[in-house]
Structure formats: structure tokens, C-alpha cells
Amino acid sequence: MKTNKKMFATILTAAIASAFSYAAQAEYVAGDDVTVLQGFKAGGGSDVLAQLAQPYLTKKLGVNFVNEYIPGATGAIAWTRLARQSKKDGTIISITNTPMLMTNYIMNDAITYNIKDLTPIANVVTDPGIAVVAKDSPYNTIEDLFAAAKQKPGRVTVGNSGVGGDDYFTTLLVERASGLSFQKVPFQGDGPSATAAMGNKIDVSFNNVGTVYSQIKSGNLKALAVFSEQRVEDLPDVPTLKEKGIDVVAGSSRGYSAPAGIPEEARKQLIAAFESLKTDQAFLADAKKRALNIDIVTGDDYAKMFQDMETEFQGIWDDVSAKQ
């Protein structure tokens, strides 16, 4: 009988602990579902981040994250909706891709949102840029590509994730640093740009490592160069542009933001969930499998990241515009 009492006590304790755990997970103040706006088609860098992070966020906050894809205008349609047309209760957030979040309105006066209209929650990934071509492309090195661009000014086609995106700006920076000129081909995200490169629809896609890593490893794409300070650990044989005498370091950071003015408790809970990912070993292992460079920056620090990028890319655009 004593054994049965002990067993009952153990079961009761476990049940209470489980109930408390469930309650802790379910206490996100905004509700049961969170809509995540994505400004690009499925399969691109934003989607890679969503598929990685959101299952872990669901466990930590006890809410479902439902992706809504709104491609177009290099993310500006989704971010305008976030800033101007979304509830400010914590039930709608968006993946925010930088620098294109800022370069959209820096380049285009018709875009009405800006970073003051948002509540920055957390950056999660900083993804270096990369140049990729089809597996049967005649270009086997970045030197091959640049030689072709020198012979055919303005005719070598370079895919990007949309006018004003990080890949578009990377092309401008490479042109400025090398003296070459390319034909820029915009797509509705870096996923479609990579697909076009695989099918030889364009000569090269300027993309991000996390988006194309699996296709490189499977042999569907060849990587010519990365746009990072140092070689990427998971692609040790791929040189940097700097090694080739082109002083360009570029890429994309991806995180999450809400509209300005959401309840402070919802903001704090979201930030805490992202902060916990820093030490979540399962999450970090999943990110490594995807060759994603985790760079979690939250709250006020993420807001400062926004402000610094806005200043930096306004300067780049002013410089490029003055020379055109």
C-alpha cells in the first residue's frame, strides 16, 4: 500500500509539473495564433528562417505561428501592411530583412513606412552573400565571371532578390569596386533567383549562403565566391571577394518585428523567447545543419541595428546616385 501511495504521489507531482509547464507555455498575452508576414515567396531566406525558428518559438510561447506570404516590391508590400494596416496587439509580426527593409524607402519616396513605424523584436540570422551559378555553367571561378563581364559590359546577367534588396546593393558595390557593369535581373526573393541560376536562365545569382547551401552541397549549384570577411566554415573551398581583390563584404540579416505600439508585455515575452534561443542546443544544431550564421540581437539593440543600417545605406545610395 505504501508503494502505491508513493507511486500515486510521484504521478501527481509529475502531472502538476506538466500542468505548470503547459501553463507557462500558454501564457503569451496576445492569443493563440501569431501571423507572420513574409515579404517574399516561399523557399527563400525568410522562409528558411521561419522553418527553423518558429517550431522552437511555438514550444516556448505556446502559440501557433502561421506564415502569410506576400511577395512583391522587395518586401515593401508586407512591411507596409505591418506598419500601416496590422493590429497592434502582438498577434501580427513580420520577418524583417535588412538592409532591404530600409533601402526600400531610401530608394523610393512612394514607400511610406519607415523603421519608426515598427517594434524591432529580434535579429536571428546574419547570412553572408554568395555568387552561385548552374552546375554546368561555363564559369568555374569568380575570375571567369569577371572576365566575361569585362568582355561584355552590361550583358552578364546577375539575379537578385529584388530592386533595393541586399543582393541588388551587392551588385552595385561590386560594380563600384571592380569597374565592371552587369545586367541586374530582379526576382521576388532569393529563392526564385537561385532557381533561375540552376536553370541557366541567368548567368549568376547573387544570393545568401543559407538559402543556397543545400543546393551547393547537392551539386545543383556552383559557388564562385562568398561576400564575407573570411571564408565560410561550411564552404571552406569557396574564396571571399576580398581574396580576389574586390573589397566588398555584404549579406542579409533576418529577424522579426511587430508594428509600433504593441503591448509592452507582448514585446517582452517575444524578446525573451528569442533570447532563449541563444542557448537552445537543439535550435543551434538545426541552424548549423542549414549553414545559418546565428546572430541573435534583441530589443533596443536590434532597434540600434536598424538605425545604423539606415544611416549606412542612405550614404551608399547617395554616393551611387551621385555617380549615375
C-alpha atoms as a PDB file:
ATOM      1  CA  MET A   1       0.000   0.000   0.000  1.00  0.00           C
ATOM      2  CA  LYS A   2       2.866   2.353   0.832  1.00  0.00           C
ATOM      3  CA  THR A   3       4.343   1.654  -2.566  1.00  0.00           C
ATOM      4  CA  ASN A   4       1.040   2.552  -4.198  1.00  0.00           C
ATOM      5  CA  LYS A   5       0.875   5.789  -2.242  1.00  0.00           C
ATOM      6  CA  LYS A   6       4.427   6.638  -3.306  1.00  0.00           C
ATOM      7  CA  MET A   7       3.607   5.847  -6.904  1.00  0.00           C
ATOM      8  CA  PHE A   8       0.459   7.970  -6.729  1.00  0.00           C
ATOM      9  CA  ALA A   9       2.426  10.851  -5.222  1.00  0.00           C
ATOM     10  CA  THR A  10       5.017  10.604  -7.984  1.00  0.00           C
ATOM     11  CA  ILE A  11       2.355  10.569 -10.703  1.00  0.00           C
ATOM     12  CA  LEU A  12       0.542  13.505  -9.067  1.00  0.00           C
ATOM     13  CA  THR A  13       3.771  15.524  -8.834  1.00  0.00           C
ATOM     14  CA  ALA A  14       4.561  14.831 -12.478  1.00  0.00           C
ATOM     15  CA  ALA A  15       1.053  15.829 -13.521  1.00  0.00           C
ATOM     16  CA  ILE A  16       1.245  19.089 -11.583  1.00  0.00           C
ATOM     17  CA  ALA A  17       4.663  19.860 -13.062  1.00  0.00           C
ATOM     18  CA  SER A  18       3.332  19.159 -16.532  1.00  0.00           C
ATOM     19  CA  ALA A  19       0.339  21.403 -15.931  1.00  0.00           C
ATOM     20  CA  PHE A  20       2.555  24.243 -14.737  1.00  0.00           C
ATOM     21  CA  SER A  21       4.825  23.741 -17.759  1.00  0.00           C
ATOM     22  CA  TYR A  22       1.845  23.882 -20.121  1.00  0.00           C
ATOM     23  CA  ALA A  23       0.511  26.970 -18.385  1.00  0.00           C
ATOM     24  CA  ALA A  24       3.898  28.667 -18.726  1.00  0.00           C
ATOM     25  CA  GLN A  25       3.945  27.893 -22.429  1.00  0.00           C
ATOM     26  CA  ALA A  26       0.389  29.085 -22.974  1.00  0.00           C
ATOM     27  CA  GLU A  27       0.607  32.479 -21.300  1.00  0.00           C
ATOM     28  CA  TYR A  28       1.564  34.619 -24.320  1.00  0.00           C
ATOM     29  CA  VAL A  29      -0.691  37.592 -23.760  1.00  0.00           C
ATOM     30  CA  ALA A  30      -1.649  38.208 -27.395  1.00  0.00           C
ATOM     31  CA  GLY A  31      -3.591  34.990 -28.011  1.00  0.00           C
ATOM     32  CA  ASP A  32      -3.313  31.536 -29.533  1.00  0.00           C
ATOM     33  CA  ASP A  33      -2.074  32.354 -33.057  1.00  0.00           C
ATOM     34  CA  VAL A  34       0.575  34.728 -34.351  1.00  0.00           C
ATOM     35  CA  THR A  35       0.523  35.615 -38.046  1.00  0.00           C
ATOM     36  CA  VAL A  36       3.998  36.027 -39.547  1.00  0.00           C
ATOM     37  CA  LEU A  37       4.073  38.165 -42.673  1.00  0.00           C
ATOM     38  CA  GLN A  38       6.759  37.227 -45.206  1.00  0.00           C
ATOM     39  CA  GLY A  39       7.546  39.671 -47.967  1.00  0.00           C
ATOM     40  CA  PHE A  40       8.891  37.049 -50.359  1.00  0.00           C
ATOM     41  CA  LYS A  41       7.825  33.791 -51.964  1.00  0.00           C
ATOM     42  CA  ALA A  42       8.181  30.531 -50.070  1.00  0.00           C
ATOM     43  CA  GLY A  43      11.558  28.850 -50.385  1.00  0.00           C
ATOM     44  CA  GLY A  44      13.742  31.908 -49.911  1.00  0.00           C
ATOM     45  CA  GLY A  45      15.810  33.122 -46.994  1.00  0.00           C
ATOM     46  CA  SER A  46      12.836  34.370 -44.982  1.00  0.00           C
ATOM     47  CA  ASP A  47      11.154  31.004 -45.275  1.00  0.00           C
ATOM     48  CA  VAL A  48      14.351  29.198 -44.257  1.00  0.00           C
ATOM     49  CA  LEU A  49      14.406  31.300 -41.090  1.00  0.00           C
ATOM     50  CA  ALA A  50      10.709  30.686 -40.410  1.00  0.00           C
ATOM     51  CA  GLN A  51      11.004  26.922 -40.789  1.00  0.00           C
ATOM     52  CA  LEU A  52      13.997  26.925 -38.448  1.00  0.00           C
ATOM     53  CA  ALA A  53      12.883  29.249 -35.673  1.00  0.00           C
ATOM     54  CA  GLN A  54       9.118  29.061 -35.413  1.00  0.00           C
ATOM     55  CA  PRO A  55       8.735  25.474 -34.158  1.00  0.00           C
ATOM     56  CA  TYR A  56      11.002  26.421 -31.235  1.00  0.00           C
ATOM     57  CA  LEU A  57       9.092  29.652 -30.617  1.00  0.00           C
ATOM     58  CA  THR A  58       5.845  27.667 -30.547  1.00  0.00           C
ATOM     59  CA  LYS A  59       7.238  25.462 -27.761  1.00  0.00           C
ATOM     60  CA  LYS A  60       8.483  28.446 -25.801  1.00  0.00           C
ATOM     61  CA  LEU A  61       5.374  30.626 -26.094  1.00  0.00           C
ATOM     62  CA  GLY A  62       2.629  28.031 -26.535  1.00  0.00           C
ATOM     63  CA  VAL A  63       1.215  29.704 -29.664  1.00  0.00           C
ATOM     64  CA  ASN A  64       0.968  28.755 -33.318  1.00  0.00           C
ATOM     65  CA  PHE A  65       2.982  30.767 -35.845  1.00  0.00           C
ATOM     66  CA  VAL A  66       1.139  30.980 -39.160  1.00  0.00           C
ATOM     67  CA  ASN A  67       3.098  32.205 -42.186  1.00  0.00           C
ATOM     68  CA  GLU A  68       1.433  34.535 -44.686  1.00  0.00           C
ATOM     69  CA  TYR A  69       3.411  35.054 -47.900  1.00  0.00           C
ATOM     70  CA  ILE A  70       3.002  38.486 -49.508  1.00  0.00           C
ATOM     71  CA  PRO A  71       5.692  38.757 -52.184  1.00  0.00           C
ATOM     72  CA  GLY A  72       6.326  41.929 -54.113  1.00  0.00           C
ATOM     73  CA  ALA A  73       8.234  45.222 -54.075  1.00  0.00           C
ATOM     74  CA  THR A  74      11.221  43.637 -52.312  1.00  0.00           C
ATOM     75  CA  GLY A  75       9.221  43.066 -49.151  1.00  0.00           C
ATOM     76  CA  ALA A  76       7.659  46.525 -49.093  1.00  0.00           C
ATOM     77  CA  ILE A  77       4.080  45.278 -49.527  1.00  0.00           C
ATOM     78  CA  ALA A  78       4.328  43.090 -46.432  1.00  0.00           C
ATOM     79  CA  TRP A  79       6.142  45.736 -44.370  1.00  0.00           C
ATOM     80  CA  THR A  80       3.684  48.447 -45.362  1.00  0.00           C
ATOM     81  CA  ARG A  81       0.874  46.188 -44.188  1.00  0.00           C
ATOM     82  CA  LEU A  82       2.746  45.514 -40.955  1.00  0.00           C
ATOM     83  CA  ALA A  83       3.340  49.196 -40.282  1.00  0.00           C
ATOM     84  CA  ARG A  84       0.077  50.672 -41.546  1.00  0.00           C
ATOM     85  CA  GLN A  85      -2.656  48.042 -41.590  1.00  0.00           C
ATOM     86  CA  SER A  86      -1.962  45.478 -38.845  1.00  0.00           C
ATOM     87  CA  LYS A  87      -3.360  45.104 -35.359  1.00  0.00           C
ATOM     88  CA  LYS A  88      -1.028  46.420 -32.680  1.00  0.00           C
ATOM     89  CA  ASP A  89      -1.793  43.642 -30.203  1.00  0.00           C
ATOM     90  CA  GLY A  90       1.113  41.249 -30.774  1.00  0.00           C
ATOM     91  CA  THR A  91      -0.860  38.848 -32.993  1.00  0.00           C
ATOM     92  CA  ILE A  92       0.816  40.047 -36.220  1.00  0.00           C
ATOM     93  CA  ILE A  93       4.559  40.224 -36.715  1.00  0.00           C
ATOM     94  CA  SER A  94       6.805  40.012 -39.756  1.00  0.00           C
ATOM     95  CA  ILE A  95      10.176  38.715 -40.735  1.00  0.00           C
ATOM     96  CA  THR A  96      12.247  41.836 -41.329  1.00  0.00           C
ATOM     97  CA  ASN A  97      15.104  41.534 -43.796  1.00  0.00           C
ATOM     98  CA  THR A  98      17.859  44.100 -43.592  1.00  0.00           C
ATOM     99  CA  PRO A  99      19.139  46.145 -45.300  1.00  0.00           C
ATOM    100  CA  MET A 100      16.215  45.924 -47.756  1.00  0.00           C
ATOM    101  CA  LEU A 101      13.779  46.968 -45.020  1.00  0.00           C
ATOM    102  CA  MET A 102      15.490  50.382 -45.165  1.00  0.00           C
ATOM    103  CA  THR A 103      16.702  50.507 -48.761  1.00  0.00           C
ATOM    104  CA  ASN A 104      13.111  50.205 -49.991  1.00  0.00           C
ATOM    105  CA  TYR A 105      12.155  53.652 -48.739  1.00  0.00           C
ATOM    106  CA  ILE A 106      15.655  55.108 -49.154  1.00  0.00           C
ATOM    107  CA  MET A 107      15.376  54.411 -52.899  1.00  0.00           C
ATOM    108  CA  ASN A 108      11.661  55.008 -53.373  1.00  0.00           C
ATOM    109  CA  ASP A 109       9.764  58.009 -51.999  1.00  0.00           C
ATOM    110  CA  ALA A 110       6.458  56.273 -52.769  1.00  0.00           C
ATOM    111  CA  ILE A 111       7.057  53.776 -49.952  1.00  0.00           C
ATOM    112  CA  THR A 112       5.558  55.330 -46.853  1.00  0.00           C
ATOM    113  CA  TYR A 113       6.693  53.145 -43.927  1.00  0.00           C
ATOM    114  CA  ASN A 114       9.993  53.536 -42.111  1.00  0.00           C
ATOM    115  CA  ILE A 115      11.689  51.939 -39.128  1.00  0.00           C
ATOM    116  CA  LYS A 116       9.944  54.325 -36.711  1.00  0.00           C
ATOM    117  CA  ASP A 117       6.688  52.525 -37.556  1.00  0.00           C
ATOM    118  CA  LEU A 118       7.983  49.199 -36.232  1.00  0.00           C
ATOM    119  CA  THR A 119       8.783  47.475 -32.942  1.00  0.00           C
ATOM    120  CA  PRO A 120      12.062  45.620 -33.547  1.00  0.00           C
ATOM    121  CA  ILE A 121      11.913  42.277 -31.704  1.00  0.00           C
ATOM    122  CA  ALA A 122      14.992  40.242 -32.646  1.00  0.00           C
ATOM    123  CA  ASN A 123      17.526  39.629 -35.362  1.00  0.00           C
ATOM    124  CA  VAL A 124      18.182  35.893 -35.672  1.00  0.00           C
ATOM    125  CA  VAL A 125      20.418  35.267 -38.682  1.00  0.00           C
ATOM    126  CA  THR A 126      23.138  37.230 -40.432  1.00  0.00           C
ATOM    127  CA  ASP A 127      23.645  35.489 -43.754  1.00  0.00           C
ATOM    128  CA  PRO A 128      26.712  36.260 -45.918  1.00  0.00           C
ATOM    129  CA  GLY A 129      26.235  36.933 -49.599  1.00  0.00           C
ATOM    130  CA  ILE A 130      27.420  34.448 -52.209  1.00  0.00           C
ATOM    131  CA  ALA A 131      27.694  34.180 -56.002  1.00  0.00           C
ATOM    132  CA  VAL A 132      26.279  30.927 -57.433  1.00  0.00           C
ATOM    133  CA  VAL A 133      25.929  29.537 -60.949  1.00  0.00           C
ATOM    134  CA  ALA A 134      24.410  26.416 -62.522  1.00  0.00           C
ATOM    135  CA  LYS A 135      26.341  23.173 -62.151  1.00  0.00           C
ATOM    136  CA  ASP A 136      27.064  23.164 -65.895  1.00  0.00           C
ATOM    137  CA  SER A 137      27.829  26.886 -66.149  1.00  0.00           C
ATOM    138  CA  PRO A 138      30.942  27.814 -68.157  1.00  0.00           C
ATOM    139  CA  TYR A 139      32.008  29.937 -65.187  1.00  0.00           C
ATOM    140  CA  ASN A 140      34.023  27.863 -62.727  1.00  0.00           C
ATOM    141  CA  THR A 141      35.649  30.718 -60.804  1.00  0.00           C
ATOM    142  CA  ILE A 142      34.786  34.297 -59.938  1.00  0.00           C
ATOM    143  CA  GLU A 143      37.624  35.329 -62.243  1.00  0.00           C
ATOM    144  CA  ASP A 144      35.800  33.607 -65.141  1.00  0.00           C
ATOM    145  CA  LEU A 145      32.674  35.608 -64.379  1.00  0.00           C
ATOM    146  CA  PHE A 146      34.515  38.916 -64.099  1.00  0.00           C
ATOM    147  CA  ALA A 147      36.428  38.233 -67.333  1.00  0.00           C
ATOM    148  CA  ALA A 148      33.123  37.699 -69.153  1.00  0.00           C
ATOM    149  CA  ALA A 149      31.726  40.919 -67.669  1.00  0.00           C
ATOM    150  CA  LYS A 150      34.802  42.789 -68.876  1.00  0.00           C
ATOM    151  CA  GLN A 151      34.394  41.397 -72.404  1.00  0.00           C
ATOM    152  CA  LYS A 152      30.613  42.016 -72.455  1.00  0.00           C
ATOM    153  CA  PRO A 153      29.889  45.144 -70.378  1.00  0.00           C
ATOM    154  CA  GLY A 154      26.312  45.229 -69.098  1.00  0.00           C
ATOM    155  CA  ARG A 155      25.395  41.872 -70.639  1.00  0.00           C
ATOM    156  CA  VAL A 156      26.293  39.289 -67.971  1.00  0.00           C
ATOM    157  CA  THR A 157      23.033  38.720 -66.093  1.00  0.00           C
ATOM    158  CA  VAL A 158      23.069  38.819 -62.294  1.00  0.00           C
ATOM    159  CA  GLY A 159      19.943  37.722 -60.425  1.00  0.00           C
ATOM    160  CA  ASN A 160      18.923  39.400 -57.181  1.00  0.00           C
ATOM    161  CA  SER A 161      16.081  39.214 -54.669  1.00  0.00           C
ATOM    162  CA  GLY A 162      14.515  42.447 -55.933  1.00  0.00           C
ATOM    163  CA  VAL A 163      15.445  46.052 -56.648  1.00  0.00           C
ATOM    164  CA  GLY A 164      16.684  47.546 -53.396  1.00  0.00           C
ATOM    165  CA  GLY A 165      17.459  44.215 -51.742  1.00  0.00           C
ATOM    166  CA  ASP A 166      20.808  43.240 -50.309  1.00  0.00           C
ATOM    167  CA  ASP A 167      21.768  41.312 -53.469  1.00  0.00           C
ATOM    168  CA  TYR A 168      20.905  44.325 -55.625  1.00  0.00           C
ATOM    169  CA  PHE A 169      23.076  46.556 -53.463  1.00  0.00           C
ATOM    170  CA  THR A 170      25.841  43.933 -53.533  1.00  0.00           C
ATOM    171  CA  THR A 171      25.839  44.165 -57.327  1.00  0.00           C
ATOM    172  CA  LEU A 172      26.165  47.949 -57.114  1.00  0.00           C
ATOM    173  CA  LEU A 173      29.055  47.603 -54.661  1.00  0.00           C
ATOM    174  CA  VAL A 174      30.833  45.015 -56.837  1.00  0.00           C
ATOM    175  CA  GLU A 175      30.417  47.252 -59.877  1.00  0.00           C
ATOM    176  CA  ARG A 176      31.833  50.208 -57.962  1.00  0.00           C
ATOM    177  CA  ALA A 177      34.775  48.217 -56.580  1.00  0.00           C
ATOM    178  CA  SER A 178      35.657  46.428 -59.840  1.00  0.00           C
ATOM    179  CA  GLY A 179      34.767  48.946 -62.529  1.00  0.00           C
ATOM    180  CA  LEU A 180      32.581  46.300 -64.210  1.00  0.00           C
ATOM    181  CA  SER A 181      28.926  46.560 -65.165  1.00  0.00           C
ATOM    182  CA  PHE A 182      26.249  43.847 -65.080  1.00  0.00           C
ATOM    183  CA  GLN A 183      22.664  43.418 -66.208  1.00  0.00           C
ATOM    184  CA  LYS A 184      20.653  43.226 -62.986  1.00  0.00           C
ATOM    185  CA  VAL A 185      17.690  40.841 -63.020  1.00  0.00           C
ATOM    186  CA  PRO A 186      15.249  41.197 -60.091  1.00  0.00           C
ATOM    187  CA  PHE A 187      13.134  38.345 -58.712  1.00  0.00           C
ATOM    188  CA  GLN A 188      10.514  38.085 -55.965  1.00  0.00           C
ATOM    189  CA  GLY A 189      13.016  36.734 -53.456  1.00  0.00           C
ATOM    190  CA  ASP A 190      16.359  34.966 -53.396  1.00  0.00           C
ATOM    191  CA  GLY A 191      14.730  31.531 -53.819  1.00  0.00           C
ATOM    192  CA  PRO A 192      13.438  32.325 -57.344  1.00  0.00           C
ATOM    193  CA  SER A 193      16.796  33.942 -58.183  1.00  0.00           C
ATOM    194  CA  ALA A 194      18.657  30.746 -57.219  1.00  0.00           C
ATOM    195  CA  THR A 195      16.183  28.632 -59.201  1.00  0.00           C
ATOM    196  CA  ALA A 196      16.777  30.789 -62.279  1.00  0.00           C
ATOM    197  CA  ALA A 197      20.527  30.275 -61.914  1.00  0.00           C
ATOM    198  CA  MET A 198      20.065  26.496 -61.618  1.00  0.00           C
ATOM    199  CA  GLY A 199      18.106  26.516 -64.862  1.00  0.00           C
ATOM    200  CA  ASN A 200      20.660  28.696 -66.688  1.00  0.00           C
ATOM    201  CA  LYS A 201      18.032  31.431 -67.070  1.00  0.00           C
ATOM    202  CA  ILE A 202      20.612  33.891 -65.728  1.00  0.00           C
ATOM    203  CA  ASP A 203      24.399  33.776 -65.656  1.00  0.00           C
ATOM    204  CA  VAL A 204      24.785  34.096 -61.891  1.00  0.00           C
ATOM    205  CA  SER A 205      22.686  34.682 -58.780  1.00  0.00           C
ATOM    206  CA  PHE A 206      23.962  36.951 -56.040  1.00  0.00           C
ATOM    207  CA  ASN A 207      22.288  35.253 -53.111  1.00  0.00           C
ATOM    208  CA  ASN A 208      22.776  34.260 -49.452  1.00  0.00           C
ATOM    209  CA  VAL A 209      24.600  31.229 -48.108  1.00  0.00           C
ATOM    210  CA  GLY A 210      21.687  29.946 -46.014  1.00  0.00           C
ATOM    211  CA  THR A 211      19.327  29.992 -48.995  1.00  0.00           C
ATOM    212  CA  VAL A 212      21.525  28.083 -51.449  1.00  0.00           C
ATOM    213  CA  TYR A 213      23.708  25.931 -49.184  1.00  0.00           C
ATOM    214  CA  SER A 214      21.710  22.719 -49.698  1.00  0.00           C
ATOM    215  CA  GLN A 215      21.763  23.146 -53.481  1.00  0.00           C
ATOM    216  CA  ILE A 216      25.522  23.711 -53.409  1.00  0.00           C
ATOM    217  CA  LYS A 217      26.069  20.588 -51.318  1.00  0.00           C
ATOM    218  CA  SER A 218      23.818  18.524 -53.603  1.00  0.00           C
ATOM    219  CA  GLY A 219      25.740  19.709 -56.664  1.00  0.00           C
ATOM    220  CA  ASN A 220      22.942  21.701 -58.310  1.00  0.00           C
ATOM    221  CA  LEU A 221      24.782  24.997 -57.921  1.00  0.00           C
ATOM    222  CA  LYS A 222      28.439  26.004 -58.016  1.00  0.00           C
ATOM    223  CA  ALA A 223      29.662  28.627 -55.577  1.00  0.00           C
ATOM    224  CA  LEU A 224      32.146  31.116 -57.035  1.00  0.00           C
ATOM    225  CA  ALA A 225      32.755  33.444 -54.074  1.00  0.00           C
ATOM    226  CA  VAL A 226      31.351  34.487 -50.710  1.00  0.00           C
ATOM    227  CA  PHE A 227      30.921  38.115 -49.730  1.00  0.00           C
ATOM    228  CA  SER A 228      32.171  37.761 -46.150  1.00  0.00           C
ATOM    229  CA  GLU A 229      35.285  38.922 -44.302  1.00  0.00           C
ATOM    230  CA  GLN A 230      36.552  35.344 -44.025  1.00  0.00           C
ATOM    231  CA  ARG A 231      35.714  32.060 -45.711  1.00  0.00           C
ATOM    232  CA  VAL A 232      32.523  30.374 -44.545  1.00  0.00           C
ATOM    233  CA  GLU A 233      33.242  27.359 -42.321  1.00  0.00           C
ATOM    234  CA  ASP A 234      30.798  25.123 -44.172  1.00  0.00           C
ATOM    235  CA  LEU A 235      32.206  26.116 -47.594  1.00  0.00           C
ATOM    236  CA  PRO A 236      35.948  26.165 -46.925  1.00  0.00           C
ATOM    237  CA  ASP A 237      36.956  25.899 -50.602  1.00  0.00           C
ATOM    238  CA  VAL A 238      34.983  28.970 -51.680  1.00  0.00           C
ATOM    239  CA  PRO A 239      37.104  32.159 -51.697  1.00  0.00           C
ATOM    240  CA  THR A 240      35.972  35.563 -50.493  1.00  0.00           C
ATOM    241  CA  LEU A 241      35.707  38.523 -52.835  1.00  0.00           C
ATOM    242  CA  LYS A 242      38.330  40.258 -50.707  1.00  0.00           C
ATOM    243  CA  GLU A 243      40.796  37.478 -51.508  1.00  0.00           C
ATOM    244  CA  LYS A 244      40.251  38.307 -55.175  1.00  0.00           C
ATOM    245  CA  GLY A 245      40.949  41.993 -54.694  1.00  0.00           C
ATOM    246  CA  ILE A 246      37.306  43.138 -54.569  1.00  0.00           C
ATOM    247  CA  ASP A 247      36.786  44.895 -51.242  1.00  0.00           C
ATOM    248  CA  VAL A 248      33.109  44.059 -50.780  1.00  0.00           C
ATOM    249  CA  VAL A 249      31.532  42.466 -47.701  1.00  0.00           C
ATOM    250  CA  ALA A 250      27.756  42.069 -47.921  1.00  0.00           C
ATOM    251  CA  GLY A 251      24.826  39.920 -46.940  1.00  0.00           C
ATOM    252  CA  SER A 252      21.425  39.924 -45.332  1.00  0.00           C
ATOM    253  CA  SER A 253      20.246  39.874 -41.739  1.00  0.00           C
ATOM    254  CA  ARG A 254      16.830  38.429 -40.932  1.00  0.00           C
ATOM    255  CA  GLY A 255      14.786  38.820 -37.817  1.00  0.00           C
ATOM    256  CA  TYR A 256      11.305  39.662 -36.561  1.00  0.00           C
ATOM    257  CA  SER A 257       9.468  42.912 -35.918  1.00  0.00           C
ATOM    258  CA  ALA A 258       5.981  43.970 -34.874  1.00  0.00           C
ATOM    259  CA  PRO A 259       4.058  47.171 -35.561  1.00  0.00           C
ATOM    260  CA  ALA A 260       4.932  50.135 -33.364  1.00  0.00           C
ATOM    261  CA  GLY A 261       2.859  50.352 -30.191  1.00  0.00           C
ATOM    262  CA  ILE A 262       2.255  46.700 -29.317  1.00  0.00           C
ATOM    263  CA  PRO A 263       1.659  45.975 -25.595  1.00  0.00           C
ATOM    264  CA  GLU A 264       4.882  46.042 -23.614  1.00  0.00           C
ATOM    265  CA  GLU A 265       4.176  42.629 -22.073  1.00  0.00           C
ATOM    266  CA  ALA A 266       3.835  41.041 -25.526  1.00  0.00           C
ATOM    267  CA  ARG A 267       7.079  42.714 -26.606  1.00  0.00           C
ATOM    268  CA  LYS A 268       8.908  41.421 -23.535  1.00  0.00           C
ATOM    269  CA  GLN A 269       7.613  37.870 -23.995  1.00  0.00           C
ATOM    270  CA  LEU A 270       8.634  37.770 -27.648  1.00  0.00           C
ATOM    271  CA  ILE A 271      12.096  39.118 -26.852  1.00  0.00           C
ATOM    272  CA  ALA A 272      12.541  36.590 -24.031  1.00  0.00           C
ATOM    273  CA  ALA A 273      11.630  33.733 -26.371  1.00  0.00           C
ATOM    274  CA  PHE A 274      14.268  34.813 -28.884  1.00  0.00           C
ATOM    275  CA  GLU A 275      16.845  35.376 -26.138  1.00  0.00           C
ATOM    276  CA  SER A 276      16.322  31.777 -25.003  1.00  0.00           C
ATOM    277  CA  LEU A 277      17.291  30.535 -28.480  1.00  0.00           C
ATOM    278  CA  LYS A 278      20.869  31.681 -27.822  1.00  0.00           C
ATOM    279  CA  THR A 279      21.421  28.715 -25.524  1.00  0.00           C
ATOM    280  CA  ASP A 280      18.978  26.213 -27.039  1.00  0.00           C
ATOM    281  CA  GLN A 281      21.345  23.486 -28.209  1.00  0.00           C
ATOM    282  CA  ALA A 282      18.758  21.740 -30.399  1.00  0.00           C
ATOM    283  CA  PHE A 283      17.979  25.021 -32.179  1.00  0.00           C
ATOM    284  CA  LEU A 284      21.672  25.805 -32.670  1.00  0.00           C
ATOM    285  CA  ALA A 285      22.302  22.315 -34.052  1.00  0.00           C
ATOM    286  CA  ASP A 286      19.414  22.694 -36.522  1.00  0.00           C
ATOM    287  CA  ALA A 287      20.806  26.059 -37.634  1.00  0.00           C
ATOM    288  CA  LYS A 288      24.238  24.540 -38.223  1.00  0.00           C
ATOM    289  CA  LYS A 289      22.737  21.858 -40.472  1.00  0.00           C
ATOM    290  CA  ARG A 290      21.400  24.667 -42.656  1.00  0.00           C
ATOM    291  CA  ALA A 291      24.722  26.594 -42.566  1.00  0.00           C
ATOM    292  CA  LEU A 292      22.916  29.511 -40.927  1.00  0.00           C
ATOM    293  CA  ASN A 293      25.009  32.017 -39.018  1.00  0.00           C
ATOM    294  CA  ILE A 294      23.019  32.685 -35.829  1.00  0.00           C
ATOM    295  CA  ASP A 295      23.319  36.303 -34.730  1.00  0.00           C
ATOM    296  CA  ILE A 296      20.609  36.998 -32.142  1.00  0.00           C
ATOM    297  CA  VAL A 297      20.253  40.688 -31.328  1.00  0.00           C
ATOM    298  CA  THR A 298      17.109  41.712 -29.462  1.00  0.00           C
ATOM    299  CA  GLY A 299      15.017  44.697 -28.422  1.00  0.00           C
ATOM    300  CA  ASP A 300      16.782  48.051 -28.168  1.00  0.00           C
ATOM    301  CA  ASP A 301      19.974  46.596 -29.643  1.00  0.00           C
ATOM    302  CA  TYR A 302      18.040  45.425 -32.707  1.00  0.00           C
ATOM    303  CA  ALA A 303      16.499  48.897 -32.969  1.00  0.00           C
ATOM    304  CA  LYS A 304      20.001  50.408 -32.968  1.00  0.00           C
ATOM    305  CA  MET A 305      20.989  47.925 -35.681  1.00  0.00           C
ATOM    306  CA  PHE A 306      18.090  49.316 -37.750  1.00  0.00           C
ATOM    307  CA  GLN A 307      19.208  52.898 -37.179  1.00  0.00           C
ATOM    308  CA  ASP A 308      22.850  52.193 -38.028  1.00  0.00           C
ATOM    309  CA  MET A 309      21.904  50.361 -41.242  1.00  0.00           C
ATOM    310  CA  GLU A 310      19.581  53.162 -42.300  1.00  0.00           C
ATOM    311  CA  THR A 311      22.437  55.654 -41.960  1.00  0.00           C
ATOM    312  CA  GLU A 312      24.952  53.377 -43.732  1.00  0.00           C
ATOM    313  CA  PHE A 313      22.772  52.543 -46.736  1.00  0.00           C
ATOM    314  CA  GLN A 314      21.493  56.086 -47.129  1.00  0.00           C
ATOM    315  CA  GLY A 315      25.154  57.035 -47.553  1.00  0.00           C
ATOM    316  CA  ILE A 316      25.787  54.249 -50.075  1.00  0.00           C
ATOM    317  CA  TRP A 317      22.710  55.203 -52.117  1.00  0.00           C
ATOM    318  CA  ASP A 318      23.621  58.913 -52.091  1.00  0.00           C
ATOM    319  CA  ASP A 319      27.110  58.013 -53.341  1.00  0.00           C
ATOM    320  CA  VAL A 320      25.851  55.669 -56.083  1.00  0.00           C
ATOM    321  CA  SER A 321      23.152  58.147 -57.195  1.00  0.00           C
ATOM    322  CA  ALA A 322      25.671  60.987 -57.439  1.00  0.00           C
ATOM    323  CA  LYS A 323      27.789  58.941 -59.850  1.00  0.00           C
ATOM    324  CA  GLN A 324      24.978  57.781 -62.137  1.00  0.00           C
END
